[in-house]
C-alpha atoms as a PDB file:
ATOM      1  CA  MET A   1     100.923  87.970  94.144  1.00  0.00           C
ATOM      2  CA  VAL A   2     103.168  90.854  93.241  1.00  0.00           C
ATOM      3  CA  ASP A   3     106.364  91.413  91.308  1.00  0.00           C
ATOM      4  CA  ALA A   4     108.899  93.848  92.697  1.00  0.00           C
ATOM      5  CA  LEU A   5     112.419  95.113  92.299  1.00  0.00           C
ATOM      6  CA  LEU A   6     114.311  94.423  95.524  1.00  0.00           C
ATOM      7  CA  THR A   7     117.691  95.595  96.850  1.00  0.00           C
ATOM      8  CA  PHE A   8     119.169  94.003  99.962  1.00  0.00           C
ATOM      9  CA  LEU A   9     121.195  96.247 102.270  1.00  0.00           C
ATOM     10  CA  SER A  10     124.782  95.441 103.176  1.00  0.00           C
ATOM     11  CA  GLN A  11     125.605  94.414 106.723  1.00  0.00           C
ATOM     12  CA  ALA A  12     127.335  97.791 107.200  1.00  0.00           C
ATOM     13  CA  GLU A  13     123.989  99.490 106.388  1.00  0.00           C
ATOM     14  CA  GLY A  14     122.160  97.353 108.954  1.00  0.00           C
ATOM     15  CA  GLY A  15     121.201  94.510 106.603  1.00  0.00           C
ATOM     16  CA  ARG A  16     121.743  90.779 106.845  1.00  0.00           C
ATOM     17  CA  SER A  17     125.157  89.266 107.533  1.00  0.00           C
ATOM     18  CA  HIS A  18     124.638  86.815 104.632  1.00  0.00           C
ATOM     19  CA  LEU A  19     122.403  86.665 101.579  1.00  0.00           C
ATOM     20  CA  ASN A  20     122.088  82.915 101.086  1.00  0.00           C
ATOM     21  CA  ILE A  21     118.283  83.186 101.217  1.00  0.00           C
ATOM     22  CA  GLN A  22     115.959  80.825  99.325  1.00  0.00           C
ATOM     23  CA  LEU A  23     113.652  83.159  97.364  1.00  0.00           C
ATOM     24  CA  ARG A  24     111.678  80.322  95.784  1.00  0.00           C
ATOM     25  CA  GLY A  25     109.160  77.873  97.180  1.00  0.00           C
ATOM     26  CA  LEU A  26     107.503  80.212  99.724  1.00  0.00           C
ATOM     27  CA  LYS A  27     110.190  79.483 102.347  1.00  0.00           C
ATOM     28  CA  TYR A  28     111.349  83.066 103.005  1.00  0.00           C
ATOM     29  CA  ARG A  29     108.512  84.882 104.804  1.00  0.00           C
ATOM     30  CA  PRO A  30     109.410  88.390 105.918  1.00  0.00           C
ATOM     31  CA  HIS A  31     107.154  91.459 105.969  1.00  0.00           C
ATOM     32  CA  ILE A  32     107.021  94.551 103.818  1.00  0.00           C
ATOM     33  CA  VAL A  33     106.167  98.018 105.098  1.00  0.00           C
ATOM     34  CA  VAL A  34     104.951 100.419 102.420  1.00  0.00           C
ATOM     35  CA  GLY A  35     106.630 103.794 102.799  1.00  0.00           C
ATOM     36  CA  ASP A  36     109.900 105.644 102.410  1.00  0.00           C
ATOM     37  CA  PRO A  37     112.599 103.171 101.307  1.00  0.00           C
ATOM     38  CA  SER A  38     115.324 105.310 102.889  1.00  0.00           C
ATOM     39  CA  GLN A  39     113.940 104.517 106.359  1.00  0.00           C
ATOM     40  CA  ARG A  40     116.396 102.165 108.052  1.00  0.00           C
ATOM     41  CA  HIS A  41     114.751 101.549 111.439  1.00  0.00           C
ATOM     42  CA  ALA A  42     111.357 100.365 112.614  1.00  0.00           C
ATOM     43  CA  ILE A  43     109.192 103.018 114.257  1.00  0.00           C
ATOM     44  CA  ILE A  44     108.773 101.883 117.860  1.00  0.00           C
ATOM     45  CA  VAL A  45     106.835 103.916 120.425  1.00  0.00           C
ATOM     46  CA  GLU A  46     106.393 103.797 124.167  1.00  0.00           C
ATOM     47  CA  GLY A  47     105.814 100.300 125.455  1.00  0.00           C
ATOM     48  CA  ASN A  48     108.061  98.790 122.748  1.00  0.00           C
ATOM     49  CA  ARG A  49     105.158  98.862 120.265  1.00  0.00           C
ATOM     50  CA  LEU A  50     105.542  98.901 116.478  1.00  0.00           C
ATOM     51  CA  VAL A  51     103.228 101.427 114.823  1.00  0.00           C
ATOM     52  CA  GLU A  52     103.752 100.561 111.145  1.00  0.00           C
ATOM     53  CA  SER A  53     101.625  98.174 109.093  1.00  0.00           C
ATOM     54  CA  TYR A  54     103.585  94.981 108.500  1.00  0.00           C
ATOM     55  CA  CYS A  55     102.294  93.076 105.436  1.00  0.00           C
ATOM     56  CA  GLY A  56     103.225  89.388 105.483  1.00  0.00           C
ATOM     57  CA  VAL A  57     104.717  88.064 102.245  1.00  0.00           C
ATOM     58  CA  ALA A  58     106.222  84.782 101.073  1.00  0.00           C
ATOM     59  CA  PHE A  59     108.721  84.733  98.214  1.00  0.00           C
ATOM     60  CA  SER A  60     107.820  82.506  95.288  1.00  0.00           C
ATOM     61  CA  GLY A  61     110.457  83.650  92.798  1.00  0.00           C
ATOM     62  CA  GLY A  62     113.774  85.412  92.637  1.00  0.00           C
ATOM     63  CA  PRO A  63     117.469  84.901  91.996  1.00  0.00           C
ATOM     64  CA  THR A  64     119.374  81.992  93.509  1.00  0.00           C
ATOM     65  CA  LYS A  65     122.407  84.170  94.333  1.00  0.00           C
ATOM     66  CA  MET A  66     122.418  87.789  95.427  1.00  0.00           C
ATOM     67  CA  GLU A  67     124.780  90.562  96.430  1.00  0.00           C
ATOM     68  CA  ALA A  68     124.027  93.554  98.622  1.00  0.00           C
ATOM     69  CA  ASN A  69     123.148  96.831  96.908  1.00  0.00           C
ATOM     70  CA  GLN A  70     122.159  95.110  93.642  1.00  0.00           C
ATOM     71  CA  GLN A  71     118.580  95.295  92.381  1.00  0.00           C
ATOM     72  CA  TYR A  72     116.803  91.994  91.616  1.00  0.00           C
ATOM     73  CA  PRO A  73     113.348  91.117  90.261  1.00  0.00           C
ATOM     74  CA  VAL A  74     111.319  89.018  92.727  1.00  0.00           C
ATOM     75  CA  THR A  75     107.811  87.599  93.068  1.00  0.00           C
ATOM     76  CA  MET A  76     105.995  87.583  96.403  1.00  0.00           C
ATOM     77  CA  MET A  77     102.720  86.068  97.542  1.00  0.00           C
ATOM     78  CA  LEU A  78     100.584  88.304  99.766  1.00  0.00           C
ATOM     79  CA  MET A  79     100.091  85.851 102.623  1.00  0.00           C
ATOM     80  CA  TYR A  80      96.780  87.135 103.974  1.00  0.00           C
ATOM     81  CA  TRP A  81      95.261  88.581 100.783  1.00  0.00           C
ATOM     82  CA  PRO A  82      92.507  89.834 100.397  1.00  0.00           C
ATOM     83  CA  HIS A  83      92.961  91.478 103.810  1.00  0.00           C
ATOM     84  CA  PRO A  84      92.583  95.282 103.426  1.00  0.00           C
ATOM     85  CA  ILE A  85      96.117  95.847 104.758  1.00  0.00           C
ATOM     86  CA  TYR A  86      97.316  94.957 101.232  1.00  0.00           C
ATOM     87  CA  ASP A  87      95.308  97.739  99.544  1.00  0.00           C
ATOM     88  CA  VAL A  88      98.469  99.903  99.503  1.00  0.00           C
ATOM     89  CA  VAL A  89     100.585  97.187  97.850  1.00  0.00           C
ATOM     90  CA  VAL A  90     100.145  98.391  94.275  1.00  0.00           C
ATOM     91  CA  PRO A  91     102.460  99.084  91.328  1.00  0.00           C
ATOM     92  CA  GLY A  92     104.668 102.052  92.143  1.00  0.00           C
ATOM     93  CA  ALA A  93     104.461 101.544  95.914  1.00  0.00           C
ATOM     94  CA  ARG A  94     107.865 101.682  97.570  1.00  0.00           C
ATOM     95  CA  PHE A  95     108.605  99.628 100.654  1.00  0.00           C
ATOM     96  CA  THR A  96     111.140  98.317 103.102  1.00  0.00           C
ATOM     97  CA  LEU A  97     111.484  94.601 103.739  1.00  0.00           C
ATOM     98  CA  ARG A  98     111.564  93.691 107.426  1.00  0.00           C
ATOM     99  CA  GLU A  99     112.806  90.763 109.425  1.00  0.00           C
ATOM    100  CA  GLY A 100     111.212  91.704 112.717  1.00  0.00           C
ATOM    101  CA  PRO A 101     112.284  95.291 113.399  1.00  0.00           C
ATOM    102  CA  MET A 102     115.386  94.973 111.151  1.00  0.00           C
ATOM    103  CA  VAL A 103     115.217  96.618 107.728  1.00  0.00           C
ATOM    104  CA  ALA A 104     116.922  94.069 105.455  1.00  0.00           C
ATOM    105  CA  ALA A 105     116.054  95.486 102.019  1.00  0.00           C
ATOM    106  CA  PHE A 106     113.991  98.007 100.110  1.00  0.00           C
ATOM    107  CA  GLY A 107     112.104  97.902  96.852  1.00  0.00           C
ATOM    108  CA  GLU A 108     109.252  98.913  94.602  1.00  0.00           C
ATOM    109  CA  ILE A 109     106.169  96.987  93.491  1.00  0.00           C
ATOM    110  CA  THR A 110     106.148  96.642  89.696  1.00  0.00           C
ATOM    111  CA  ARG A 111     103.086  94.441  89.127  1.00  0.00           C
ATOM    112  CA  ARG A 112     100.181  92.974  91.092  1.00  0.00           C
ATOM    113  CA  TRP A 113      97.792  90.205  90.133  1.00  0.00           C
ATOM    114  CA  THR A 114      95.252  88.089  91.955  1.00  0.00           C
ATOM    115  CA  GLN A 115      95.334  85.004  89.745  1.00  0.00           C
ATOM    116  CA  PRO A 116      98.415  82.864  89.062  1.00  0.00           C
ATOM    117  CA  GLN A 117     100.165  83.671  85.814  1.00  0.00           C
ATOM    118  CA  LEU A 118      99.895  80.998  83.135  1.00  0.00           C
ATOM    119  CA  PRO A 119     103.112  79.849  81.428  1.00  0.00           C
END
């Protein structure tokens, strides 16, 4: 699991048309791509092939209401951990959040742990 600071893009910037997303209970399952958060399009090469590493995540914590261009703390489960693809998902890593090829948000990893946090 990781904690991150996440900012959703506005629809005018290519983001979602609405932000009524459930960020708790592992229901929202996009991907993150570690790299430049100012990138706003997927890198697609000949043959309509994505060439970036998409890391599957599931949200387990975050706000219940959000607005575009506001930063929010979130918690994500790394869906296929300990797969080596997640080796780059470390504190300080910046990323874009993808829904298919659409860049919906960007953020930065603030904490990573492998065991659930105790209350």
